[in-house]
């Protein structure tokens, strides 16, 4: 019996849907065992008191840096709410840290990297339904924002964003690197505030300035991607791109900064169809391939490029998870990212970076980022 054209096309659509569903199911099955191995590795590295500590970096040995990020990674994709014994033990340790630090007027001496700790802890408690502790950490995130009350000029694009400051960033000039906002710290803080019901929107001027984007006629520099920080040829890891027609120094867009920029825009409430959000997605579509850190990188920047492999992978996975449409390029990228990450996993279930820059040679940090990536992609 001959099929009509409509019946044939209808059947092909059905088969296409089955193939897509089948590929998603297959990817989830392939990722399941690596995810289990990662959880076992993290369980084996947990200290007796419930925290996670580094054997490599002194600044990571007190538990306040690694414990929140490990719990955040373990929560992803599993809906952990404290039922799992390893997670529950770690969460109890983080509760004790919260109650000890967040009640103090000056918690800074107890926190090595306060924005890192506060932002991940905010997300962990928000997802666990502990809104009081999430709010307590969110207040610390807010205090670390560059604000007028700390002397930052109201019209300065740096005002309202976040830096790597270890205490509330009092404005000085010239602004040192530690106090100068960057897109990674700002994205981390913005996502955390949004998770706790806060409003990060005053960071939007800074976020937009970190995007190679033009509201009018784009130049060759305006590719839609993001860079790390304003006027900083060193910390913008991909390097200088040149000067535009107005004489402004421009910087190359690169993968991790563009993922952070996308997530920051979305945390500030910009919808998927906003031109800036669409431009970031287009850049990622054109420049992403598996674990490779996309972008145009100047000679001599290769170590910086590979040093962020796992941070980049989890940020990229979060972007892919957030994009509403699942197109062919997204499916291919999800598959290649997952496959390449699984291939890098050690026999004990861990991952480790290839370069010390960005501290991804600490297996606990790299493994937390890798676990979150696989969980988001599964």
Foldseek 3Di string as FASTA:
>chain_A
DDDDPVRVVVVVVVVVVVVVVVVLVVLLVVLVVLLVLLVLLVLVQADPQLAHAFPPDPLRHPRLQQLLLLLLLVCFLPLDQLPDPSSVSSVVVVVVVLVVQLVDPDSLVVHSQLLNSLLSQLLNCLSNVNLVSNVSSLVVLVQQFAAVVLPDDLPDLQHLFHFRDSGRQRDDPPDDRRGGHWLQSRLSSLVSQLSSVHASQSNVSQLVVQALDDPPDHDPSNQLAGFIGPPDQVRRLQGWDQADPVRGTGRKGKQLSLLSSLSNCVSNPDDCPPPSNVSSVVVCLVFDDALFIGIRHDPPSVLVRQQCSLSSLLSVLVSLLPNPDCDPSSSNRLSRNSVVLSVQADPSSWHATPHPVVNSNRGSVSSSSSSSNSSSSD
